[in-house]
Amino acid sequence: MPFPKKSNYLYKNMRKTKQRFSAGIAAPAFVVMGWLGMTFLPGTNAIAVTTGDYRACASRLLRAGITAEAAASVCARALRPRDLSSCVAEIEDETEIAAVEALSTCIRAWRPEDVGACVVGISKNTEAGNQVLDKQLLNRTILSNCGLSLLPRRYAQCVVGLRLQIDNLAPTQAINTCIDASNYVSNYLPTFIPANRTENTIFQPSFPTQPIPNNQVPNNQNSQ
């Protein structure tokens, strides 16, 4: 049964409306899909790199003798897992400090790789000679000071530089002198006090203090 012309006209209009509606939905959908791709696809590479860092952290700590439970805990909490494991492994390989002792300092460091370089540098400089009576105490001091210093590499350079230039400077003296000097960070801050300021300069504003006579009424009250 053929449709009348009016029915064909309505059918064509309905098809056009449906096509426009579908196109209107599809366009935003493609835009959203593109945005999701641009937003989350690069994150896949970042996650892969981060996963590798955690794997490297756990692997190196296990090889250094750290227990699996401790390695999992510290690697999970570390801001830079790979650097944390490098700090522990470097200290354990290059010095007489145990990995467990190194781990307690490296996990608290903002830049663990700098702490590791600090400990190794000072330890190598102080391992020769007969000026050290208690080597274990010296190692604990080096580990503690490198962990406390805000600039571990510069602290190590201070210790090594002084001992290379000054004859018979004991390792303990150089270590304590450089860590004491690093505490004076406030000396670099400006005081913000003008150079020409006098000691007893007091600001005293001047205001009119002459009282108003009782029989004199202000103009703003006369108008009321």
Protein backbone atom coordinates (compact mmCIF):
# COMPACT_ATOMS: atom_id res chain seq x y z
CA MET A 1 0.00 0.00 0.00
CA PRO A 2 1.68 3.21 -1.10
CA PHE A 3 2.05 5.99 1.40
CA PRO A 4 0.54 9.32 0.61
CA LYS A 5 2.82 12.19 -0.19
CA LYS A 6 2.23 13.72 3.20
CA SER A 7 3.42 10.54 4.93
CA ASN A 8 6.58 10.42 2.80
CA TYR A 9 7.32 13.99 3.67
CA LEU A 10 6.98 13.29 7.40
CA TYR A 11 9.15 10.17 7.08
CA LYS A 12 11.96 12.08 5.37
CA ASN A 13 11.83 14.82 8.02
CA MET A 14 12.01 12.24 10.79
CA ARG A 15 15.07 10.62 9.19
CA LYS A 16 16.82 13.98 8.84
CA THR A 17 16.04 14.84 12.46
CA LYS A 18 17.38 11.48 13.62
CA GLN A 19 20.59 11.91 11.63
CA ARG A 20 21.16 15.40 13.02
CA PHE A 21 20.50 14.18 16.55
CA SER A 22 22.94 11.27 16.12
CA ALA A 23 25.61 13.59 14.75
CA GLY A 24 25.07 15.97 17.65
CA ILE A 25 25.70 13.18 20.13
CA ALA A 26 28.61 11.61 18.25
CA ALA A 27 30.63 14.82 17.99
CA PRO A 28 30.84 15.47 21.75
CA ALA A 29 31.49 11.76 22.28
CA PHE A 30 34.52 11.86 19.99
CA VAL A 31 35.72 15.01 21.72
CA VAL A 32 35.45 13.35 25.14
CA MET A 33 37.22 10.23 23.88
CA GLY A 34 40.02 12.34 22.45
CA TRP A 35 40.36 14.24 25.71
CA LEU A 36 40.51 11.01 27.67
CA GLY A 37 43.18 9.71 25.35
CA MET A 38 45.29 12.83 25.67
CA THR A 39 44.84 12.91 29.43
CA PHE A 40 45.38 9.32 30.45
CA LEU A 41 47.45 7.68 27.74
CA PRO A 42 50.68 9.51 28.66
CA GLY A 43 50.13 8.37 32.22
CA THR A 44 50.67 4.79 31.12
CA ASN A 45 54.33 5.51 30.41
CA ALA A 46 54.68 7.30 33.75
CA ILE A 47 53.17 4.31 35.57
CA ALA A 48 55.52 1.96 33.74
CA VAL A 49 58.54 4.03 34.78
CA THR A 50 57.31 4.23 38.36
CA THR A 51 56.72 0.48 38.41
CA GLY A 52 60.30 -0.02 37.26
CA ASP A 53 61.55 2.24 40.04
CA TYR A 54 59.72 0.22 42.66
CA ARG A 55 61.01 -3.04 41.20
CA ALA A 56 64.58 -1.72 41.18
CA CYS A 57 64.20 -0.50 44.75
CA ALA A 58 62.98 -3.85 46.04
CA SER A 59 65.56 -5.80 44.03
CA ARG A 60 68.58 -3.82 45.23
CA LEU A 61 67.44 -3.80 48.85
CA LEU A 62 66.92 -7.55 48.82
CA ARG A 63 70.41 -8.07 47.37
CA ALA A 64 71.82 -5.82 50.09
CA GLY A 65 70.38 -8.08 52.78
CA ILE A 66 67.22 -6.18 53.70
CA THR A 67 64.26 -8.41 54.55
CA ALA A 68 61.37 -8.66 52.12
CA GLU A 69 58.94 -7.07 54.56
CA ALA A 70 61.22 -4.11 55.27
CA ALA A 71 62.04 -3.65 51.58
CA ALA A 72 58.36 -3.58 50.65
CA SER A 73 57.56 -1.08 53.40
CA VAL A 74 60.33 1.43 52.68
CA CYS A 75 60.04 1.23 48.89
CA ALA A 76 56.31 1.87 49.13
CA ARG A 77 56.86 4.95 51.31
CA ALA A 78 59.82 6.36 49.39
CA LEU A 79 59.39 9.45 47.24
CA ARG A 80 62.25 8.28 45.00
CA PRO A 81 62.37 4.49 45.34
CA ARG A 82 65.27 3.93 42.95
CA ASP A 83 67.38 6.62 44.63
CA LEU A 84 66.61 5.14 48.03
CA SER A 85 67.92 1.72 47.04
CA SER A 86 70.96 3.31 45.38
CA CYS A 87 71.77 5.13 48.62
CA VAL A 88 71.63 1.93 50.66
CA ALA A 89 73.50 -0.19 48.12
CA GLU A 90 76.27 2.37 47.61
CA ILE A 91 76.90 2.76 51.33
CA GLU A 92 76.79 -1.00 51.91
CA ASP A 93 79.18 -1.71 49.00
CA GLU A 94 81.71 1.10 49.50
CA THR A 95 81.91 1.39 53.30
CA GLU A 96 81.89 -0.77 56.42
CA ILE A 97 78.37 0.42 57.32
CA ALA A 98 75.68 -2.26 57.29
CA ALA A 99 72.75 -1.95 54.93
CA VAL A 100 70.24 -1.89 57.78
CA GLU A 101 71.96 1.12 59.37
CA ALA A 102 72.20 2.89 56.02
CA LEU A 103 68.52 2.26 55.33
CA SER A 104 67.38 4.10 58.46
CA THR A 105 69.19 7.24 57.25
CA CYS A 106 68.46 6.98 53.53
CA ILE A 107 64.70 6.60 54.05
CA ARG A 108 64.54 9.96 55.87
CA ALA A 109 66.58 11.86 53.28
CA TRP A 110 64.99 14.23 50.77
CA ARG A 111 67.69 13.31 48.22
CA PRO A 112 68.99 9.87 49.15
CA GLU A 113 71.58 9.78 46.37
CA ASP A 114 73.28 12.86 47.86
CA VAL A 115 73.38 11.23 51.29
CA GLY A 116 74.96 8.11 49.81
CA ALA A 117 77.62 10.14 48.02
CA CYS A 118 78.31 12.08 51.22
CA VAL A 119 78.80 8.98 53.35
CA VAL A 120 81.01 7.24 50.80
CA GLY A 121 83.13 10.33 50.14
CA ILE A 122 83.89 11.03 53.79
CA SER A 123 84.42 7.35 54.64
CA LYS A 124 87.00 6.90 51.89
CA ASN A 125 88.84 10.01 53.05
CA THR A 126 88.99 8.91 56.68
CA GLU A 127 89.64 5.18 56.28
CA ALA A 128 93.43 5.58 56.05
CA GLY A 129 95.65 6.60 58.95
CA ASN A 130 95.78 5.91 62.67
CA GLN A 131 93.87 8.97 63.85
CA VAL A 132 90.60 7.06 64.35
CA LEU A 133 90.25 5.20 67.64
CA ASP A 134 86.70 3.91 67.19
CA LYS A 135 85.90 3.23 63.54
CA GLN A 136 82.31 2.15 64.22
CA LEU A 137 81.58 5.33 66.15
CA LEU A 138 83.07 7.38 63.33
CA ASN A 139 80.92 5.57 60.76
CA ARG A 140 77.77 6.24 62.78
CA THR A 141 78.74 9.90 63.07
CA ILE A 142 79.34 10.20 59.33
CA LEU A 143 76.03 8.52 58.57
CA SER A 144 74.14 10.71 61.02
CA ASN A 145 75.73 13.99 59.91
CA CYS A 146 75.22 13.30 56.21
CA GLY A 147 71.58 12.56 56.94
CA LEU A 148 71.14 15.74 58.99
CA SER A 149 72.91 18.09 56.58
CA LEU A 150 70.72 20.12 54.24
CA LEU A 151 73.48 19.94 51.61
CA PRO A 152 75.13 16.53 52.03
CA ARG A 153 77.46 16.81 49.03
CA ARG A 154 78.76 20.19 50.15
CA TYR A 155 79.21 18.88 53.67
CA ALA A 156 81.35 16.03 52.33
CA GLN A 157 83.37 18.48 50.23
CA CYS A 158 84.00 20.54 53.36
CA VAL A 159 85.31 17.56 55.31
CA VAL A 160 87.48 16.21 52.51
CA GLY A 161 88.80 19.63 51.49
CA LEU A 162 89.87 20.60 55.00
CA ARG A 163 91.62 17.29 55.60
CA LEU A 164 93.46 17.46 52.28
CA GLN A 165 94.80 20.93 52.98
CA ILE A 166 95.35 20.93 56.75
CA ASP A 167 97.99 18.52 58.02
CA ASN A 168 97.13 16.25 60.94
CA LEU A 169 93.50 17.39 61.05
CA ALA A 170 91.66 14.58 62.79
CA PRO A 171 88.64 13.15 60.98
CA THR A 172 86.40 13.76 63.99
CA GLN A 173 87.46 17.40 64.17
CA ALA A 174 86.79 17.98 60.47
CA ILE A 175 83.43 16.22 60.66
CA ASN A 176 82.27 18.24 63.66
CA THR A 177 83.63 21.54 62.32
CA CYS A 178 81.84 21.23 58.99
CA ILE A 179 78.51 20.16 60.50
CA ASP A 180 78.67 23.09 62.95
CA ALA A 181 79.31 25.49 60.07
CA SER A 182 76.33 24.16 58.14
CA ASN A 183 74.03 25.12 61.01
CA TYR A 184 74.61 28.84 60.47
CA VAL A 185 72.19 29.15 57.59
CA SER A 186 70.49 32.14 59.19
CA ASN A 187 73.61 34.27 58.67
CA TYR A 188 72.79 34.39 54.96
CA LEU A 189 69.36 35.87 55.53
CA PRO A 190 68.95 39.65 55.31
CA THR A 191 67.96 41.45 58.49
CA PHE A 192 65.65 43.94 56.72
CA ILE A 193 66.80 46.66 59.16
CA PRO A 194 67.84 49.98 57.53
CA ALA A 195 71.50 50.85 58.02
CA ASN A 196 70.75 54.44 59.11
CA ARG A 197 68.15 53.47 61.70
CA THR A 198 68.70 55.04 65.12
CA GLU A 199 68.28 53.07 68.31
CA ASN A 200 65.55 55.13 70.00
CA THR A 201 63.52 56.33 67.07
CA ILE A 202 59.86 56.32 68.11
CA PHE A 203 57.09 57.37 65.82
CA GLN A 204 54.77 59.83 67.58
CA PRO A 205 51.88 61.13 65.47
CA SER A 206 50.65 64.65 66.22
CA PHE A 207 46.94 65.32 66.54
CA PRO A 208 45.14 68.52 67.66
CA THR A 209 44.46 68.20 71.37
CA GLN A 210 42.75 71.55 72.07
CA PRO A 211 39.37 70.79 73.73
CA ILE A 212 36.11 72.16 72.36
CA PRO A 213 34.43 74.68 74.72
CA ASN A 214 31.20 73.56 76.31
CA ASN A 215 29.18 76.41 74.81
CA GLN A 216 30.45 75.75 71.30
CA VAL A 217 28.42 73.22 69.38
CA PRO A 218 29.73 71.72 66.15
CA ASN A 219 28.03 72.85 62.95
CA ASN A 220 26.81 69.36 62.09
CA GLN A 221 24.74 69.32 65.30
CA ASN A 222 23.22 72.78 64.66
CA SER A 223 21.74 71.59 61.41
CA GLN A 224 19.81 68.85 63.17
